[in-house]
Amino acid sequence: MNSKSEENKYKEIDSKKEDNLSKNKYILLITSLSYFLCGFSVSVISVALPTIGLDFEISAVSQNWIAIIFFLAIAIFSLPFGKIAAKFGLKKTFYIGLILLILGSFGASISNSAEVLIIFRALQGLSVAILNVSTLAILTEAMSENERGKGIGLITSIAYMGLVAANVVGGFLTYNFGWRYVFLAVIPFLILTMIITYLKVPNDWLFSKKDKFDYIGALIFAVAISCLTYGFTIMHDLNGMILIIIAIVLFFIFGKWQNKLEYPMFPINILKNKKFTFASIAALLCSFATFVIIYIVDYHLQYIKGLDPQATGLILMLAPLSMAISTFLAGKLSDKFNPQLIASSGMIIAFISLMILSSLNQSTPLIVVIIAIVLEGIGYGMFISPNTNIVVSSLPSKLASIASATVSTTRVIGETLSLGMYTVVFAIIMGSLKIIPEHFQLLITSSQIVCILAGIGCLLAIIFSLIGINSYKGINSKEQV
């Protein structure tokens, strides 16, 4: 393709920003399907973990690693694929993500050991990283700025419906057919998304086709994230502290390296944008504080209360259902009102939820647990859409994929550290003990400590959101980057 035809294609793509939401219905459809299936893949493992643990006869710490490896892969690959998507095209990258998620889901379903399952969960994590980046970037570029918050709120709401479906469908499939079917369930819908994209989305989005990809930076970043995550899971050990220190040094080297490059994977100077930086830090802290809640409640319901996976899934769905409702409304409001204020209010509600859960014990009424997870869902939903809107709207269009990669990376680093913190506490309190009735009190103590630590993270998220208010100039204003 010559430069003139490329220029015309870019103009055609840019003109879509003038359209309203209804005129981008196929973009909305594929991005909604993508977010739904990613949400389903993220959450479906939680309700099946106890059954998988019994099947493979593994400890609670090993069970946690089946979940952690998924988020570690997302954390490692989100930022590099932000650059790859801009270089090779959002639509092409989107295709790759769909194909890899099909392969990862099928592989997970036929795993014959915990080790094999962990490998395919890592592949699923890679694919979700690719889809998260390309999906949000496609929507951001297809939507006009005055409707971007509504679009983000809508697809984020649908992602949480994926979490609802994961808990309900995952519980049903695990209880009636076995845990392997929870991975097979997404494959037909992934194929459908590919067909719709091929037939109804003819154009692609390219922003830096001639840019060189920073392989060295990607490697430094991957090693740094891996050291940070694994170090955090064994932080109670000297080796864990050494790995964390190595991670900090590598992140510093990564930043210095990026500043030297003409085509950096992550332009460090965008951190001068206060709206972008404060919102990104708040997102990381929010994920750290809230993500672990579903695992705490899941273990409490199945082990302490003795509920089966199907009943547990029905109760757990209340959290993402609350998120789906509140995030859609908050997304619409973020187009009109100060998004940091909405996000901070959501974190206050999430903090109340954590304080309720920090008092969980064997005699806690089920209704109290239900109230806590509903509050967590409302609070997180109120936070995520306004916060995402401010991150993606604070940077210019040429950095759309970088902004969406940052959203994904900060969220998943927070989620990974949340599970890491959970694993550390369990390792200290329970060690390699299996979760059986005589050890239930240790499980309760571990969960209480985790909730208190998560509550501290929640308070820090509130503070950073409130700091961001001082730099607020309107959702569509962009500071110099």
Protein backbone atom coordinates (compact mmCIF):
# COMPACT_ATOMS: atom_id res chain seq x y z
CA MET A 1 0.00 0.00 0.00
CA ASN A 2 1.43 3.44 -0.95
CA SER A 3 1.61 6.39 1.42
CA LYS A 4 -1.30 8.20 -0.20
CA SER A 5 -3.69 5.28 0.17
CA GLU A 6 -2.52 4.80 3.76
CA GLU A 7 -3.22 8.45 4.47
CA ASN A 8 -6.73 8.13 3.03
CA LYS A 9 -7.34 5.03 5.11
CA TYR A 10 -6.24 6.86 8.23
CA LYS A 11 -8.62 9.69 7.39
CA GLU A 12 -11.46 7.24 6.92
CA ILE A 13 -10.75 5.68 10.29
CA ASP A 14 -10.40 9.04 12.03
CA SER A 15 -13.77 10.16 10.66
CA LYS A 16 -15.46 7.45 12.70
CA LYS A 17 -14.86 9.56 15.78
CA GLU A 18 -17.59 11.88 14.59
CA ASP A 19 -20.13 9.05 14.63
CA ASN A 20 -22.32 8.31 17.61
CA LEU A 21 -22.54 5.06 19.51
CA SER A 22 -25.33 3.56 17.40
CA LYS A 23 -23.33 4.05 14.17
CA ASN A 24 -20.49 1.98 15.56
CA LYS A 25 -22.69 -1.00 16.42
CA TYR A 26 -20.33 -3.65 15.04
CA ILE A 27 -17.36 -2.12 16.83
CA LEU A 28 -19.46 -2.10 19.96
CA LEU A 29 -20.52 -5.70 19.36
CA ILE A 30 -17.04 -7.18 18.92
CA THR A 31 -15.54 -5.16 21.78
CA SER A 32 -18.42 -6.18 24.03
CA LEU A 33 -18.01 -9.85 23.10
CA SER A 34 -14.27 -9.60 23.68
CA TYR A 35 -14.62 -7.99 27.10
CA PHE A 36 -17.35 -10.46 28.05
CA LEU A 37 -15.19 -13.47 27.15
CA CYS A 38 -12.13 -11.99 28.84
CA GLY A 39 -14.17 -11.36 31.98
CA PHE A 40 -15.48 -14.91 31.85
CA SER A 41 -11.96 -16.34 31.45
CA VAL A 42 -10.64 -14.21 34.33
CA SER A 43 -13.24 -15.29 36.88
CA VAL A 44 -14.31 -18.79 35.90
CA ILE A 45 -11.26 -20.37 37.52
CA SER A 46 -12.17 -19.11 41.01
CA VAL A 47 -15.31 -21.19 41.44
CA ALA A 48 -13.58 -24.27 39.98
CA LEU A 49 -10.34 -24.02 41.99
CA PRO A 50 -11.43 -26.08 45.01
CA THR A 51 -12.56 -28.90 42.69
CA ILE A 52 -9.32 -28.67 40.67
CA GLY A 53 -7.38 -28.78 43.94
CA LEU A 54 -9.14 -31.98 44.97
CA ASP A 55 -8.69 -33.52 41.51
CA PHE A 56 -4.94 -32.87 41.39
CA GLU A 57 -4.46 -33.16 45.19
CA ILE A 58 -2.58 -29.87 45.55
CA SER A 59 -2.24 -27.37 48.42
CA ALA A 60 -3.95 -24.00 48.72
CA VAL A 61 -0.71 -22.23 47.70
CA SER A 62 -0.48 -24.35 44.53
CA GLN A 63 -4.12 -23.62 43.78
CA ASN A 64 -3.38 -19.90 44.05
CA TRP A 65 -0.59 -20.25 41.46
CA ILE A 66 -3.08 -21.56 38.91
CA ALA A 67 -4.75 -18.16 39.25
CA ILE A 68 -1.57 -16.08 39.68
CA ILE A 69 0.14 -17.29 36.50
CA PHE A 70 -2.80 -16.04 34.44
CA PHE A 71 -2.47 -12.50 35.78
CA LEU A 72 1.31 -12.58 35.64
CA ALA A 73 1.09 -13.26 31.89
CA ILE A 74 -1.30 -10.34 31.45
CA ALA A 75 1.02 -8.07 33.42
CA ILE A 76 4.06 -9.09 31.37
CA PHE A 77 2.52 -8.81 27.90
CA SER A 78 0.03 -5.92 28.12
CA LEU A 79 2.59 -3.13 27.73
CA PRO A 80 4.59 -4.74 24.89
CA PHE A 81 1.40 -5.48 22.98
CA GLY A 82 0.33 -1.87 23.39
CA LYS A 83 3.26 -1.03 21.11
CA ILE A 84 2.78 -4.09 18.88
CA ALA A 85 -0.88 -3.20 18.34
CA ALA A 86 0.03 0.33 17.27
CA LYS A 87 2.71 -0.95 14.89
CA PHE A 88 0.92 -3.86 13.21
CA GLY A 89 -2.72 -2.79 13.59
CA LEU A 90 -5.38 -3.09 16.28
CA LYS A 91 -7.55 -5.44 14.24
CA LYS A 92 -4.71 -7.86 13.44
CA THR A 93 -3.66 -7.89 17.07
CA PHE A 94 -7.27 -8.49 18.07
CA TYR A 95 -7.36 -11.58 15.81
CA ILE A 96 -4.19 -12.96 17.38
CA GLY A 97 -5.68 -12.57 20.86
CA LEU A 98 -8.83 -14.47 19.87
CA ILE A 99 -6.87 -17.34 18.31
CA LEU A 100 -4.55 -17.71 21.31
CA LEU A 101 -7.47 -17.68 23.75
CA ILE A 102 -9.07 -20.53 21.79
CA LEU A 103 -5.84 -22.55 21.99
CA GLY A 104 -5.30 -21.75 25.65
CA SER A 105 -8.86 -22.62 26.63
CA PHE A 106 -8.78 -25.94 24.78
CA GLY A 107 -5.39 -26.82 26.25
CA ALA A 108 -6.59 -26.02 29.79
CA SER A 109 -9.59 -28.31 29.30
CA ILE A 110 -7.41 -31.35 28.50
CA SER A 111 -4.71 -30.73 31.12
CA ASN A 112 -3.72 -33.87 33.00
CA SER A 113 -1.76 -32.19 35.80
CA ALA A 114 -1.58 -28.93 37.70
CA GLU A 115 1.70 -28.09 35.92
CA VAL A 116 0.15 -28.48 32.45
CA LEU A 117 -2.89 -26.47 33.52
CA ILE A 118 -0.61 -23.67 34.73
CA ILE A 119 1.09 -23.54 31.31
CA PHE A 120 -2.20 -23.20 29.45
CA ARG A 121 -3.49 -20.66 31.98
CA ALA A 122 -0.38 -18.63 31.14
CA LEU A 123 -1.31 -18.85 27.45
CA GLN A 124 -4.82 -17.70 28.32
CA GLY A 125 -3.30 -14.79 30.22
CA LEU A 126 -1.21 -13.80 27.19
CA SER A 127 -4.30 -13.86 24.97
CA VAL A 128 -6.37 -11.80 27.42
CA ALA A 129 -3.53 -9.25 27.62
CA ILE A 130 -3.66 -8.89 23.82
CA LEU A 131 -7.46 -8.63 23.79
CA ASN A 132 -7.61 -6.13 26.65
CA VAL A 133 -5.19 -3.79 24.88
CA SER A 134 -6.64 -4.05 21.37
CA THR A 135 -10.29 -4.00 22.49
CA LEU A 136 -10.07 -0.81 24.54
CA ALA A 137 -7.90 0.90 21.91
CA ILE A 138 -10.37 0.01 19.12
CA LEU A 139 -13.29 1.39 21.11
CA THR A 140 -11.34 4.52 22.09
CA GLU A 141 -10.48 5.28 18.49
CA ALA A 142 -13.94 4.51 17.11
CA MET A 143 -15.81 6.68 19.61
CA SER A 144 -16.07 10.44 19.78
CA GLU A 145 -14.68 11.93 22.99
CA ASN A 146 -18.04 13.09 24.31
CA GLU A 147 -19.38 9.51 24.18
CA ARG A 148 -16.21 7.66 25.13
CA GLY A 149 -17.14 7.37 28.80
CA LYS A 150 -20.50 5.85 27.88
CA GLY A 151 -18.84 3.37 25.53
CA ILE A 152 -16.23 2.38 28.12
CA GLY A 153 -18.92 2.07 30.76
CA LEU A 154 -21.00 -0.15 28.51
CA ILE A 155 -18.29 -2.64 27.52
CA THR A 156 -16.92 -2.68 31.08
CA SER A 157 -20.42 -3.41 32.31
CA ILE A 158 -20.62 -6.28 29.83
CA ALA A 159 -17.24 -7.55 31.05
CA TYR A 160 -18.72 -7.83 34.51
CA MET A 161 -21.66 -9.68 33.05
CA GLY A 162 -18.95 -12.09 31.89
CA LEU A 163 -17.92 -12.40 35.54
CA VAL A 164 -21.55 -13.07 36.46
CA ALA A 165 -21.79 -15.74 33.77
CA ALA A 166 -18.48 -17.22 34.96
CA ASN A 167 -19.79 -17.69 38.47
CA VAL A 168 -23.18 -19.05 37.41
CA VAL A 169 -22.14 -21.10 34.37
CA GLY A 170 -18.81 -22.08 35.94
CA GLY A 171 -20.52 -23.30 39.08
CA PHE A 172 -23.15 -25.19 37.07
CA LEU A 173 -20.62 -26.83 34.75
CA THR A 174 -18.22 -27.72 37.55
CA TYR A 175 -20.98 -29.22 39.68
CA ASN A 176 -22.73 -31.17 36.91
CA PHE A 177 -20.04 -31.98 34.33
CA GLY A 178 -16.62 -31.25 35.83
CA TRP A 179 -14.21 -28.32 35.85
CA ARG A 180 -12.80 -29.02 32.36
CA TYR A 181 -16.00 -27.77 30.72
CA VAL A 182 -15.59 -24.26 32.16
CA PHE A 183 -12.74 -23.73 29.69
CA LEU A 184 -14.54 -25.19 26.68
CA ALA A 185 -17.56 -22.92 27.13
CA VAL A 186 -15.90 -19.80 25.63
CA ILE A 187 -14.60 -21.36 22.41
CA PRO A 188 -17.79 -21.11 20.25
CA PHE A 189 -18.20 -17.43 21.19
CA LEU A 190 -14.56 -16.67 20.38
CA ILE A 191 -15.07 -18.14 16.90
CA LEU A 192 -18.25 -16.05 16.50
CA THR A 193 -16.33 -12.88 17.43
CA MET A 194 -13.70 -13.67 14.79
CA ILE A 195 -16.36 -14.12 12.11
CA ILE A 196 -18.13 -10.83 12.95
CA THR A 197 -14.82 -8.95 13.00
CA TYR A 198 -13.81 -10.36 9.60
CA LEU A 199 -17.16 -9.59 7.95
CA LYS A 200 -18.12 -6.27 9.56
CA VAL A 201 -14.91 -4.46 10.52
CA PRO A 202 -13.02 -3.95 7.25
CA ASN A 203 -10.54 -1.32 8.44
CA ASP A 204 -7.56 -1.46 10.76
CA TRP A 205 -5.93 1.13 13.01
CA LEU A 206 -2.19 1.75 12.61
CA PHE A 207 -0.37 4.53 14.46
CA SER A 208 3.35 3.71 14.33
CA LYS A 209 3.92 1.30 11.46
CA LYS A 210 7.50 2.47 10.91
CA ASP A 211 8.45 2.41 14.59
CA LYS A 212 10.99 -0.18 15.71
CA PHE A 213 9.87 -2.58 18.41
CA ASP A 214 11.91 -2.43 21.61
CA TYR A 215 12.78 -6.09 22.26
CA ILE A 216 15.34 -5.23 24.94
CA GLY A 217 12.87 -3.07 26.82
CA ALA A 218 10.20 -5.77 26.58
CA LEU A 219 12.63 -8.32 28.04
CA ILE A 220 13.68 -6.02 30.90
CA PHE A 221 10.04 -5.27 31.69
CA ALA A 222 9.06 -8.97 31.61
CA VAL A 223 11.88 -9.97 33.97
CA ALA A 224 11.08 -7.05 36.30
CA ILE A 225 7.39 -7.95 36.49
CA SER A 226 8.20 -11.64 37.03
CA CYS A 227 10.66 -10.85 39.84
CA LEU A 228 8.18 -8.48 41.46
CA THR A 229 5.29 -10.93 41.30
CA TYR A 230 7.13 -14.03 42.40
CA GLY A 231 9.09 -12.08 45.00
CA PHE A 232 5.86 -10.77 46.43
CA THR A 233 4.47 -14.30 46.82
CA ILE A 234 7.50 -15.33 48.91
CA MET A 235 8.08 -11.97 50.56
CA HIS A 236 8.26 -13.67 53.97
CA ASP A 237 11.50 -15.32 52.78
CA LEU A 238 14.86 -13.63 52.16
CA ASN A 239 14.79 -14.73 48.51
CA GLY A 240 11.50 -12.89 48.10
CA MET A 241 12.98 -9.61 49.34
CA ILE A 242 15.98 -10.06 47.04
CA LEU A 243 13.69 -10.56 44.04
CA ILE A 244 11.68 -7.45 44.92
CA ILE A 245 14.86 -5.38 45.13
CA ILE A 246 15.99 -6.79 41.76
CA ALA A 247 12.57 -5.86 40.31
CA ILE A 248 12.89 -2.26 41.55
CA VAL A 249 16.37 -1.97 40.03
CA LEU A 250 15.14 -3.41 36.73
CA PHE A 251 12.19 -0.99 36.59
CA PHE A 252 14.66 1.87 37.10
CA ILE A 253 16.85 0.48 34.27
CA PHE A 254 13.75 0.09 32.10
CA GLY A 255 12.83 3.73 32.61
CA LYS A 256 16.35 4.91 31.77
CA TRP A 257 16.41 2.70 28.68
CA GLN A 258 13.07 4.00 27.43
CA ASN A 259 14.28 7.59 27.72
CA LYS A 260 17.18 6.83 25.37
CA LEU A 261 15.06 5.39 22.56
CA GLU A 262 13.55 7.18 19.59
CA TYR A 263 10.67 4.67 19.60
CA PRO A 264 10.17 3.60 23.22
CA MET A 265 7.78 0.85 24.21
CA PHE A 266 6.51 3.14 26.96
CA PRO A 267 7.18 6.90 26.59
CA ILE A 268 8.28 7.79 30.14
CA ASN A 269 7.46 11.46 29.64
CA ILE A 270 3.72 10.70 29.68
CA LEU A 271 4.09 10.27 33.44
CA LYS A 272 4.37 14.07 33.59
CA ASN A 273 0.66 14.08 32.80
CA LYS A 274 -0.77 14.22 36.33
CA LYS A 275 -4.23 13.01 35.40
CA PHE A 276 -2.77 9.97 33.67
CA THR A 277 -0.29 9.16 36.44
CA PHE A 278 -2.59 9.61 39.44
CA ALA A 279 -5.39 7.65 37.78
CA SER A 280 -3.00 4.82 36.88
CA ILE A 281 -1.64 4.56 40.44
CA ALA A 282 -5.17 4.63 41.84
CA ALA A 283 -6.15 1.82 39.44
CA LEU A 284 -3.28 -0.36 40.61
CA LEU A 285 -4.16 0.21 44.27
CA CYS A 286 -7.85 -0.41 43.63
CA SER A 287 -7.14 -3.76 41.99
CA PHE A 288 -4.76 -4.69 44.78
CA ALA A 289 -7.42 -3.91 47.38
CA THR A 290 -10.48 -5.47 45.80
CA PHE A 291 -9.47 -8.36 43.56
CA VAL A 292 -8.72 -10.81 46.34
CA ILE A 293 -12.22 -10.47 47.79
CA ILE A 294 -13.78 -13.02 45.45
CA TYR A 295 -11.22 -15.65 46.51
CA ILE A 296 -11.78 -14.95 50.19
CA VAL A 297 -15.55 -15.22 49.83
CA ASP A 298 -15.27 -18.28 47.55
CA TYR A 299 -13.16 -20.19 50.08
CA HIS A 300 -15.37 -19.04 52.96
CA LEU A 301 -18.55 -20.24 51.25
CA GLN A 302 -17.22 -23.59 50.03
CA TYR A 303 -15.01 -24.54 52.97
CA ILE A 304 -16.41 -22.77 56.04
CA LYS A 305 -20.10 -22.72 55.04
CA GLY A 306 -19.94 -26.02 53.11
CA LEU A 307 -21.76 -24.78 50.01
CA ASP A 308 -21.29 -26.61 46.70
CA PRO A 309 -19.71 -24.88 43.64
CA GLN A 310 -23.10 -24.25 42.03
CA ALA A 311 -24.56 -22.47 45.08
CA THR A 312 -21.31 -20.60 45.60
CA GLY A 313 -21.35 -19.39 42.00
CA LEU A 314 -24.87 -18.04 42.38
CA ILE A 315 -23.87 -16.00 45.43
CA LEU A 316 -20.57 -14.79 43.94
CA MET A 317 -22.36 -13.50 40.85
CA LEU A 318 -23.83 -10.72 42.98
CA ALA A 319 -20.48 -8.90 43.00
CA PRO A 320 -19.98 -8.63 39.21
CA LEU A 321 -23.72 -8.02 38.76
CA SER A 322 -23.43 -5.03 41.08
CA MET A 323 -20.32 -3.94 39.17
CA ALA A 324 -22.12 -4.21 35.83
CA ILE A 325 -24.90 -1.88 36.96
CA SER A 326 -22.77 0.67 38.80
CA THR A 327 -19.96 0.84 36.21
CA PHE A 328 -22.36 1.59 33.35
CA LEU A 329 -23.97 4.44 35.29
CA ALA A 330 -20.60 5.73 36.50
CA GLY A 331 -19.22 5.65 32.94
CA LYS A 332 -22.05 7.86 31.68
CA LEU A 333 -21.60 10.26 34.60
CA SER A 334 -17.86 10.52 33.94
CA ASP A 335 -18.61 12.27 30.62
CA LYS A 336 -20.37 15.04 32.55
CA PHE A 337 -18.89 15.24 36.06
CA ASN A 338 -15.50 15.02 37.74
CA PRO A 339 -14.49 11.35 37.27
CA GLN A 340 -11.98 11.37 40.14
CA LEU A 341 -14.73 12.28 42.57
CA ILE A 342 -16.92 9.42 41.34
CA ALA A 343 -13.97 7.00 41.54
CA SER A 344 -13.07 8.10 45.09
CA SER A 345 -16.65 7.58 46.23
CA GLY A 346 -16.55 4.05 44.85
CA MET A 347 -13.39 3.26 46.79
CA ILE A 348 -15.00 4.45 50.03
CA ILE A 349 -17.80 1.92 49.50
CA ALA A 350 -15.25 -0.81 48.72
CA PHE A 351 -13.40 0.03 51.95
CA ILE A 352 -16.59 -0.51 53.95
CA SER A 353 -16.96 -3.90 52.29
CA LEU A 354 -13.43 -4.90 53.29
CA MET A 355 -13.99 -3.89 56.89
CA ILE A 356 -17.07 -6.11 57.02
CA LEU A 357 -15.15 -9.04 55.53
CA SER A 358 -12.26 -8.57 57.96
CA SER A 359 -14.54 -9.85 60.72
CA LEU A 360 -15.54 -13.08 58.93
CA ASN A 361 -15.70 -16.19 61.12
CA GLN A 362 -17.60 -19.47 61.31
CA SER A 363 -20.66 -17.82 62.87
CA THR A 364 -20.93 -14.91 60.40
CA PRO A 365 -24.46 -14.93 58.90
CA LEU A 366 -24.62 -15.54 55.16
CA ILE A 367 -26.55 -12.30 54.65
CA VAL A 368 -23.57 -10.32 55.99
CA VAL A 369 -21.28 -11.94 53.42
CA ILE A 370 -23.80 -11.15 50.68
CA ILE A 371 -24.04 -7.50 51.73
CA ALA A 372 -20.24 -7.21 51.73
CA ILE A 373 -19.77 -8.58 48.20
CA VAL A 374 -22.60 -6.42 46.84
CA LEU A 375 -20.98 -3.32 48.36
CA GLU A 376 -17.62 -4.34 46.89
CA GLY A 377 -19.23 -4.72 43.47
CA ILE A 378 -20.90 -1.32 43.64
CA GLY A 379 -17.73 0.38 44.86
CA TYR A 380 -15.41 -1.16 42.29
CA GLY A 381 -17.89 -0.52 39.49
CA MET A 382 -18.14 3.15 40.47
CA PHE A 383 -14.36 3.39 40.33
CA ILE A 384 -13.32 1.53 37.20
CA SER A 385 -15.19 3.28 34.36
CA PRO A 386 -14.46 6.88 35.42
CA ASN A 387 -10.86 5.96 36.14
CA THR A 388 -10.41 4.24 32.76
CA ASN A 389 -12.04 7.20 31.01
CA ILE A 390 -9.60 9.64 32.56
CA VAL A 391 -6.57 7.48 31.65
CA VAL A 392 -7.46 6.97 27.97
CA SER A 393 -8.75 10.53 27.51
CA SER A 394 -5.69 12.20 29.02
CA LEU A 395 -3.37 11.14 26.16
CA PRO A 396 -3.42 11.95 22.42
CA SER A 397 -4.83 9.48 19.88
CA LYS A 398 -1.41 8.30 18.73
CA LEU A 399 -0.94 6.87 22.23
CA ALA A 400 -4.34 5.16 22.39
CA SER A 401 -2.90 1.64 22.51
CA ILE A 402 -0.32 2.73 25.10
CA ALA A 403 -3.09 4.18 27.25
CA SER A 404 -5.17 1.02 26.99
CA ALA A 405 -2.09 -1.11 27.71
CA THR A 406 -1.43 1.00 30.81
CA VAL A 407 -5.01 0.45 31.97
CA SER A 408 -4.59 -3.29 31.56
CA THR A 409 -1.08 -3.41 33.03
CA THR A 410 -1.78 -1.39 36.16
CA ARG A 411 -5.00 -3.27 36.82
CA VAL A 412 -3.39 -6.66 36.40
CA ILE A 413 -0.26 -5.79 38.37
CA GLY A 414 -2.60 -4.80 41.18
CA GLU A 415 -4.55 -8.05 40.79
CA THR A 416 -1.37 -10.12 40.69
CA LEU A 417 0.04 -8.40 43.77
CA SER A 418 -3.32 -8.91 45.45
CA LEU A 419 -3.12 -12.66 44.85
CA GLY A 420 0.55 -12.55 45.81
CA MET A 421 -0.30 -10.91 49.11
CA TYR A 422 -3.01 -13.53 49.60
CA THR A 423 -0.50 -16.32 48.90
CA VAL A 424 2.08 -14.84 51.30
CA VAL A 425 -0.43 -14.63 54.14
CA PHE A 426 -1.60 -18.19 53.46
CA ALA A 427 2.00 -19.41 53.30
CA ILE A 428 2.81 -17.80 56.65
CA ILE A 429 -0.36 -18.91 58.46
CA MET A 430 -1.09 -22.25 56.78
CA GLY A 431 2.14 -23.26 55.06
CA SER A 432 1.56 -26.34 52.90
CA LEU A 433 -1.39 -27.56 54.97
CA LYS A 434 -4.43 -28.70 53.03
CA ILE A 435 -7.73 -26.96 53.66
CA ILE A 436 -9.54 -29.51 55.82
CA PRO A 437 -11.89 -28.98 58.82
CA GLU A 438 -9.15 -29.11 61.48
CA HIS A 439 -7.38 -26.23 59.70
CA PHE A 440 -10.45 -24.04 59.08
CA GLN A 441 -9.53 -21.59 61.85
CA LEU A 442 -6.22 -20.94 60.12
CA LEU A 443 -8.14 -20.28 56.89
CA ILE A 444 -10.35 -17.75 58.70
CA THR A 445 -7.36 -16.02 60.28
CA SER A 446 -5.60 -15.79 56.91
CA SER A 447 -8.69 -14.26 55.29
CA GLN A 448 -9.07 -11.67 58.06
CA ILE A 449 -5.45 -10.54 57.74
CA VAL A 450 -5.76 -10.31 53.95
CA CYS A 451 -8.86 -8.09 54.26
CA ILE A 452 -7.07 -5.72 56.64
CA LEU A 453 -4.08 -5.40 54.29
CA ALA A 454 -6.43 -4.91 51.33
CA GLY A 455 -8.25 -2.20 53.31
CA ILE A 456 -4.97 -0.28 53.65
CA GLY A 457 -4.54 -0.49 49.88
CA CYS A 458 -8.08 0.79 49.44
CA LEU A 459 -7.37 3.84 51.61
CA LEU A 460 -4.29 4.62 49.50
CA ALA A 461 -6.42 4.35 46.33
CA ILE A 462 -8.84 6.89 47.79
CA ILE A 463 -5.97 9.27 48.56
CA PHE A 464 -4.54 9.11 45.03
CA SER A 465 -7.98 9.64 43.51
CA LEU A 466 -8.48 12.69 45.69
CA ILE A 467 -5.04 14.04 44.76
CA GLY A 468 -6.08 13.67 41.13
CA ILE A 469 -9.03 15.99 41.72
CA ASN A 470 -6.63 18.90 42.15
CA SER A 471 -5.32 18.37 38.60
CA TYR A 472 -8.74 17.91 37.02
CA LYS A 473 -9.44 20.22 34.07
CA GLY A 474 -12.19 18.30 32.35
CA ILE A 475 -12.25 14.88 30.84
CA ASN A 476 -11.32 15.95 27.34
CA SER A 477 -8.45 18.24 28.25
CA LYS A 478 -5.01 16.79 27.60
CA GLU A 479 -1.94 17.94 29.49
CA GLN A 480 1.35 18.27 27.68
CA VAL A 481 3.07 14.91 27.25
